[in-house]
Amino acid sequence: MTTELFLAKGAKLGVFDATRLHFEIKGRKMFADVLVSGGVDELFLGYDWLVQNNCEWIFSKRSIKINGLCVYVESSCVKLLLYRLRLVRT
């Protein structure tokens, strides 16, 4: 199976590999299955990960809930970028 990744405007991003990334948030162990691309240097958690981990973004409290774990974000520390990526598997 071939995996291709496209930006919203149609530009293609090369996918080098796929891997499972393990990380911790406030001591809680988590993982995400991710694609590795030379054109992206940040972590994008996709819609499926957000749903599977019961994520809620509570803008009025400047927090994100991940499986009930409340994570506060500081506006001065967070660079908010909104991207729409399209994944195609053939």
N, C-alpha and C. Protein backbone atom coordinates (compact mmCIF):
# COMPACT_ATOMS: atom_id res chain seq x y z
N MET A 1 0.84 -1.17 0.00
CA MET A 1 0.00 0.00 0.00
C MET A 1 0.89 1.25 0.00
N THR A 2 0.55 2.22 -0.82
CA THR A 2 1.26 3.49 -0.90
C THR A 2 0.48 4.54 -0.14
N THR A 3 1.19 5.36 0.62
CA THR A 3 0.55 6.44 1.37
C THR A 3 1.04 7.77 0.83
N GLU A 4 0.10 8.64 0.50
CA GLU A 4 0.44 9.98 0.04
C GLU A 4 -0.24 11.00 0.95
N LEU A 5 0.41 12.13 1.15
CA LEU A 5 -0.10 13.17 2.02
C LEU A 5 -0.12 14.48 1.24
N PHE A 6 -1.27 15.17 1.28
CA PHE A 6 -1.44 16.41 0.53
C PHE A 6 -1.89 17.53 1.45
N LEU A 7 -1.39 18.73 1.19
CA LEU A 7 -1.90 19.92 1.86
C LEU A 7 -3.24 20.29 1.22
N ALA A 8 -3.98 21.14 1.89
CA ALA A 8 -5.32 21.52 1.42
C ALA A 8 -5.29 22.08 0.01
N LYS A 9 -4.26 22.81 -0.35
CA LYS A 9 -4.18 23.43 -1.68
C LYS A 9 -3.66 22.47 -2.74
N GLY A 10 -3.43 21.21 -2.35
CA GLY A 10 -3.04 20.20 -3.33
C GLY A 10 -1.55 19.88 -3.39
N ALA A 11 -0.71 20.63 -2.68
CA ALA A 11 0.72 20.34 -2.69
C ALA A 11 0.98 18.99 -2.01
N LYS A 12 1.81 18.18 -2.64
CA LYS A 12 2.09 16.85 -2.12
C LYS A 12 3.28 16.90 -1.16
N LEU A 13 3.14 16.21 -0.02
CA LEU A 13 4.23 16.06 0.94
C LEU A 13 4.75 14.63 0.82
N GLY A 14 6.06 14.50 0.71
CA GLY A 14 6.65 13.17 0.66
C GLY A 14 6.56 12.49 2.03
N VAL A 15 6.16 11.24 2.03
CA VAL A 15 6.09 10.47 3.27
C VAL A 15 7.26 9.49 3.28
N PHE A 16 8.14 9.62 4.29
CA PHE A 16 9.31 8.75 4.39
C PHE A 16 8.98 7.43 5.06
N ASP A 17 8.16 7.50 6.09
CA ASP A 17 7.93 6.32 6.91
C ASP A 17 6.71 6.52 7.79
N ALA A 18 6.29 5.48 8.46
CA ALA A 18 5.24 5.53 9.47
C ALA A 18 5.79 4.88 10.73
N THR A 19 5.41 5.41 11.88
CA THR A 19 5.91 4.86 13.13
C THR A 19 4.92 5.13 14.25
N ARG A 20 5.10 4.47 15.35
CA ARG A 20 4.30 4.73 16.54
C ARG A 20 5.15 5.58 17.47
N LEU A 21 4.63 6.75 17.81
CA LEU A 21 5.33 7.71 18.66
C LEU A 21 4.77 7.60 20.07
N HIS A 22 5.61 7.31 21.05
CA HIS A 22 5.21 7.23 22.45
C HIS A 22 5.61 8.53 23.14
N PHE A 23 4.72 9.08 23.95
CA PHE A 23 5.00 10.32 24.65
C PHE A 23 4.19 10.37 25.94
N GLU A 24 4.50 11.34 26.79
CA GLU A 24 3.77 11.54 28.05
C GLU A 24 3.24 12.96 28.12
N ILE A 25 2.05 13.08 28.64
CA ILE A 25 1.47 14.38 28.94
C ILE A 25 1.06 14.35 30.41
N LYS A 26 1.67 15.21 31.20
CA LYS A 26 1.43 15.28 32.65
C LYS A 26 1.53 13.90 33.29
N GLY A 27 2.54 13.12 32.88
CA GLY A 27 2.78 11.81 33.46
C GLY A 27 1.94 10.68 32.89
N ARG A 28 0.98 10.99 32.04
CA ARG A 28 0.13 9.94 31.44
C ARG A 28 0.74 9.51 30.11
N LYS A 29 1.01 8.20 30.00
CA LYS A 29 1.62 7.67 28.78
C LYS A 29 0.58 7.58 27.67
N MET A 30 1.00 8.00 26.49
CA MET A 30 0.14 8.00 25.31
C MET A 30 0.96 7.59 24.11
N PHE A 31 0.26 7.33 23.02
CA PHE A 31 0.95 7.06 21.77
C PHE A 31 0.09 7.54 20.62
N ALA A 32 0.75 7.73 19.48
CA ALA A 32 0.05 8.09 18.25
C ALA A 32 0.78 7.42 17.10
N ASP A 33 0.03 6.87 16.17
CA ASP A 33 0.61 6.35 14.94
C ASP A 33 0.75 7.53 13.99
N VAL A 34 1.98 7.80 13.56
CA VAL A 34 2.26 9.01 12.80
C VAL A 34 2.98 8.69 11.49
N LEU A 35 2.89 9.64 10.57
CA LEU A 35 3.65 9.59 9.33
C LEU A 35 4.83 10.54 9.47
N VAL A 36 5.95 10.20 8.86
CA VAL A 36 7.16 11.01 8.92
C VAL A 36 7.39 11.62 7.55
N SER A 37 7.52 12.95 7.53
CA SER A 37 7.71 13.68 6.27
C SER A 37 8.79 14.73 6.45
N GLY A 38 9.59 14.93 5.42
CA GLY A 38 10.62 15.96 5.46
C GLY A 38 10.02 17.36 5.39
N GLY A 39 8.78 17.48 4.95
CA GLY A 39 8.14 18.78 4.80
C GLY A 39 7.41 19.25 6.05
N VAL A 40 7.43 18.46 7.11
CA VAL A 40 6.71 18.81 8.34
C VAL A 40 7.66 18.60 9.52
N ASP A 41 7.78 19.62 10.37
CA ASP A 41 8.68 19.48 11.53
C ASP A 41 7.94 19.61 12.85
N GLU A 42 6.60 19.46 12.81
CA GLU A 42 5.80 19.51 14.02
C GLU A 42 4.89 18.29 14.05
N LEU A 43 4.36 18.01 15.22
CA LEU A 43 3.45 16.89 15.40
C LEU A 43 2.02 17.34 15.10
N PHE A 44 1.35 16.64 14.22
CA PHE A 44 -0.06 16.86 13.93
C PHE A 44 -0.83 15.65 14.44
N LEU A 45 -1.72 15.88 15.37
CA LEU A 45 -2.58 14.79 15.85
C LEU A 45 -3.87 14.88 15.05
N GLY A 46 -4.18 13.81 14.35
CA GLY A 46 -5.31 13.80 13.43
C GLY A 46 -6.65 13.64 14.12
N TYR A 47 -7.68 13.81 13.32
CA TYR A 47 -9.05 13.70 13.80
C TYR A 47 -9.30 12.36 14.48
N ASP A 48 -8.80 11.28 13.88
CA ASP A 48 -9.02 9.96 14.48
C ASP A 48 -8.39 9.85 15.86
N TRP A 49 -7.19 10.41 16.06
CA TRP A 49 -6.54 10.39 17.38
C TRP A 49 -7.34 11.23 18.37
N LEU A 50 -7.79 12.40 17.94
CA LEU A 50 -8.57 13.28 18.82
C LEU A 50 -9.86 12.59 19.27
N VAL A 51 -10.52 11.89 18.37
CA VAL A 51 -11.75 11.17 18.71
C VAL A 51 -11.45 10.00 19.64
N GLN A 52 -10.45 9.19 19.29
CA GLN A 52 -10.10 8.01 20.11
C GLN A 52 -9.69 8.39 21.52
N ASN A 53 -9.16 9.59 21.70
CA ASN A 53 -8.70 10.04 23.01
C ASN A 53 -9.65 11.04 23.66
N ASN A 54 -10.89 11.07 23.17
CA ASN A 54 -11.95 11.90 23.76
C ASN A 54 -11.50 13.34 24.02
N CYS A 55 -10.89 13.95 23.02
CA CYS A 55 -10.35 15.29 23.20
C CYS A 55 -11.44 16.35 23.10
N GLU A 56 -11.31 17.35 23.97
CA GLU A 56 -12.19 18.52 23.98
C GLU A 56 -11.31 19.75 24.14
N TRP A 57 -11.49 20.70 23.26
CA TRP A 57 -10.76 21.96 23.39
C TRP A 57 -11.72 22.95 24.01
N ILE A 58 -11.38 23.45 25.20
CA ILE A 58 -12.23 24.37 25.94
C ILE A 58 -11.58 25.74 25.87
N PHE A 59 -11.97 26.49 24.87
CA PHE A 59 -11.33 27.77 24.60
C PHE A 59 -11.47 28.74 25.76
N SER A 60 -12.64 28.78 26.40
CA SER A 60 -12.87 29.75 27.48
C SER A 60 -11.98 29.49 28.69
N LYS A 61 -11.50 28.27 28.84
CA LYS A 61 -10.60 27.93 29.97
C LYS A 61 -9.16 27.74 29.52
N ARG A 62 -8.90 28.01 28.23
CA ARG A 62 -7.56 27.83 27.67
C ARG A 62 -7.00 26.46 28.01
N SER A 63 -7.82 25.45 27.77
CA SER A 63 -7.38 24.11 28.10
C SER A 63 -7.86 23.10 27.06
N ILE A 64 -7.20 21.97 27.08
CA ILE A 64 -7.57 20.84 26.25
C ILE A 64 -7.74 19.64 27.18
N LYS A 65 -8.83 18.92 27.05
CA LYS A 65 -9.03 17.68 27.80
C LYS A 65 -8.70 16.51 26.90
N ILE A 66 -7.86 15.63 27.40
CA ILE A 66 -7.47 14.42 26.67
C ILE A 66 -7.79 13.25 27.58
N ASN A 67 -8.81 12.48 27.23
CA ASN A 67 -9.28 11.38 28.09
C ASN A 67 -9.49 11.85 29.53
N GLY A 68 -10.09 13.02 29.69
CA GLY A 68 -10.39 13.55 31.02
C GLY A 68 -9.26 14.31 31.67
N LEU A 69 -8.06 14.22 31.13
CA LEU A 69 -6.91 14.93 31.67
C LEU A 69 -6.90 16.36 31.14
N CYS A 70 -6.98 17.32 32.03
CA CYS A 70 -7.04 18.73 31.63
C CYS A 70 -5.62 19.27 31.49
N VAL A 71 -5.32 19.79 30.32
CA VAL A 71 -4.01 20.37 30.03
C VAL A 71 -4.22 21.84 29.71
N TYR A 72 -3.65 22.70 30.53
CA TYR A 72 -3.79 24.14 30.32
C TYR A 72 -2.73 24.61 29.35
N VAL A 73 -3.10 25.53 28.49
CA VAL A 73 -2.16 26.08 27.51
C VAL A 73 -2.03 27.57 27.74
N GLU A 74 -0.83 28.05 27.60
CA GLU A 74 -0.54 29.48 27.74
C GLU A 74 -0.52 30.08 26.35
N SER A 75 -1.29 31.12 26.14
CA SER A 75 -1.35 31.72 24.81
C SER A 75 0.01 32.25 24.36
N SER A 76 0.84 32.69 25.30
CA SER A 76 2.15 33.20 24.91
C SER A 76 3.11 32.09 24.51
N CYS A 77 2.78 30.85 24.88
CA CYS A 77 3.67 29.73 24.58
C CYS A 77 3.18 28.88 23.41
N VAL A 78 1.98 29.13 22.97
CA VAL A 78 1.39 28.27 21.95
C VAL A 78 1.31 29.00 20.63
N LYS A 79 1.85 28.37 19.62
CA LYS A 79 1.73 28.88 18.27
C LYS A 79 0.63 28.06 17.61
N LEU A 80 -0.50 28.66 17.37
CA LEU A 80 -1.64 27.94 16.83
C LEU A 80 -1.59 28.00 15.31
N LEU A 81 -1.47 26.84 14.72
CA LEU A 81 -1.48 26.73 13.27
C LEU A 81 -2.57 25.74 12.88
N LEU A 82 -3.39 26.14 11.97
CA LEU A 82 -4.44 25.25 11.51
C LEU A 82 -4.10 24.80 10.10
N TYR A 83 -4.02 23.51 9.94
CA TYR A 83 -3.73 22.92 8.65
C TYR A 83 -4.82 21.92 8.31
N ARG A 84 -5.05 21.76 7.06
CA ARG A 84 -5.91 20.68 6.61
C ARG A 84 -5.06 19.81 5.72
N LEU A 85 -4.86 18.58 6.14
CA LEU A 85 -4.09 17.62 5.38
C LEU A 85 -5.03 16.54 4.87
N ARG A 86 -4.73 16.02 3.70
CA ARG A 86 -5.53 14.94 3.14
C ARG A 86 -4.61 13.75 2.93
N LEU A 87 -5.02 12.61 3.46
CA LEU A 87 -4.23 11.39 3.37
C LEU A 87 -4.88 10.49 2.32
N VAL A 88 -4.06 9.98 1.41
CA VAL A 88 -4.55 9.09 0.36
C VAL A 88 -3.73 7.80 0.43
N ARG A 89 -4.43 6.69 0.57
CA ARG A 89 -3.77 5.37 0.54
C ARG A 89 -4.25 4.63 -0.68
N THR A 90 -3.30 4.16 -1.48
CA THR A 90 -3.67 3.41 -2.69
C THR A 90 -3.02 2.05 -2.70
